[in-house]
Protein backbone atom coordinates (compact mmCIF):
# COMPACT_ATOMS: atom_id res chain seq x y z
CA UNK A 1 -29.69 86.17 -19.46
CA UNK A 2 -30.02 89.70 -18.11
CA UNK A 3 -28.94 90.55 -14.58
CA UNK A 4 -32.54 91.43 -13.61
CA UNK A 5 -33.80 88.02 -14.72
CA UNK A 6 -31.08 86.27 -12.73
CA UNK A 7 -32.03 88.19 -9.61
CA UNK A 8 -35.71 87.33 -10.04
CA UNK A 9 -34.84 83.65 -10.42
CA UNK A 10 -33.16 83.56 -7.02
CA UNK A 11 -35.43 82.47 -4.24
CA UNK A 12 -35.99 85.04 -1.54
CA UNK A 13 -35.09 83.30 1.72
CA UNK A 14 -35.88 86.24 3.97
CA UNK A 15 -38.69 85.93 6.48
CA UNK A 16 -41.93 87.91 6.28
CA UNK A 17 -40.64 90.31 8.90
CA UNK A 18 -37.29 90.77 7.15
CA UNK A 19 -38.90 91.43 3.76
CA UNK A 20 -41.44 93.91 5.10
CA UNK A 21 -39.72 95.56 8.08
CA UNK A 22 -36.01 94.72 7.90
CA UNK A 23 -35.11 98.12 6.49
CA UNK A 24 -37.21 100.09 8.98
CA UNK A 25 -35.25 103.00 10.42
CA UNK A 26 -36.40 103.03 14.04
CA UNK A 27 -33.35 104.73 15.48
CA UNK A 28 -31.85 101.58 16.98
CA UNK A 29 -31.11 98.27 15.25
CA UNK A 30 -32.53 96.42 18.28
CA UNK A 31 -35.92 98.02 17.69
CA UNK A 32 -35.85 96.93 14.06
CA UNK A 33 -34.93 93.41 15.17
CA UNK A 34 -37.84 93.38 17.62
CA UNK A 35 -40.22 94.53 14.91
CA UNK A 36 -38.99 91.82 12.52
CA UNK A 37 -39.32 89.13 15.20
CA UNK A 38 -42.82 90.20 16.22
CA UNK A 39 -43.99 90.42 12.60
CA UNK A 40 -42.70 86.90 11.98
CA UNK A 41 -44.57 85.60 15.04
CA UNK A 42 -47.78 87.28 13.91
CA UNK A 43 -47.38 85.88 10.39
CA UNK A 44 -46.86 82.37 11.75
CA UNK A 45 -50.17 82.47 13.65
CA UNK A 46 -52.46 84.89 11.74
CA UNK A 47 -55.70 83.93 13.50
CA UNK A 48 -54.31 83.74 17.02
CA UNK A 49 -54.68 86.24 19.82
CA UNK A 50 -51.57 88.09 21.00
CA UNK A 51 -51.04 85.81 24.02
CA UNK A 52 -51.32 82.77 21.73
CA UNK A 53 -48.71 84.22 19.36
CA UNK A 54 -46.11 84.87 22.04
CA UNK A 55 -44.66 81.96 23.94
CA UNK A 56 -43.03 84.14 26.59
CA UNK A 57 -44.02 87.27 28.55
CA UNK A 58 -40.86 88.93 27.22
CA UNK A 59 -42.51 89.17 23.81
CA UNK A 60 -45.19 91.45 25.28
CA UNK A 61 -42.39 93.63 26.64
CA UNK A 62 -40.78 93.73 23.18
CA UNK A 63 -44.04 94.93 21.70
CA UNK A 64 -44.37 97.67 24.30
CA UNK A 65 -40.78 98.83 23.60
CA UNK A 66 -41.76 99.55 20.00
CA UNK A 67 -44.37 102.09 21.06
C-alpha cells in the first residue's frame, strides 16, 4: 500500500477548530488556542446564540481578545 493511502486510512481525531484553525498564525499561540476553542464551541451548537454557546463570561472575553 502506498504511503498516501495509509495516511488517508487513518482517522483524523482533531477537532473542528484544530482542523480548520490550528495552524493559524495569529502572532501568539494563546490566540490560536482561543480561536480553536471558540470554533469548537460554535461547531458544537451551530444554531445557538453566542450566550448559549458559551458557558462562562470568560468566553466572551476570549472572543474580544481575538479582535
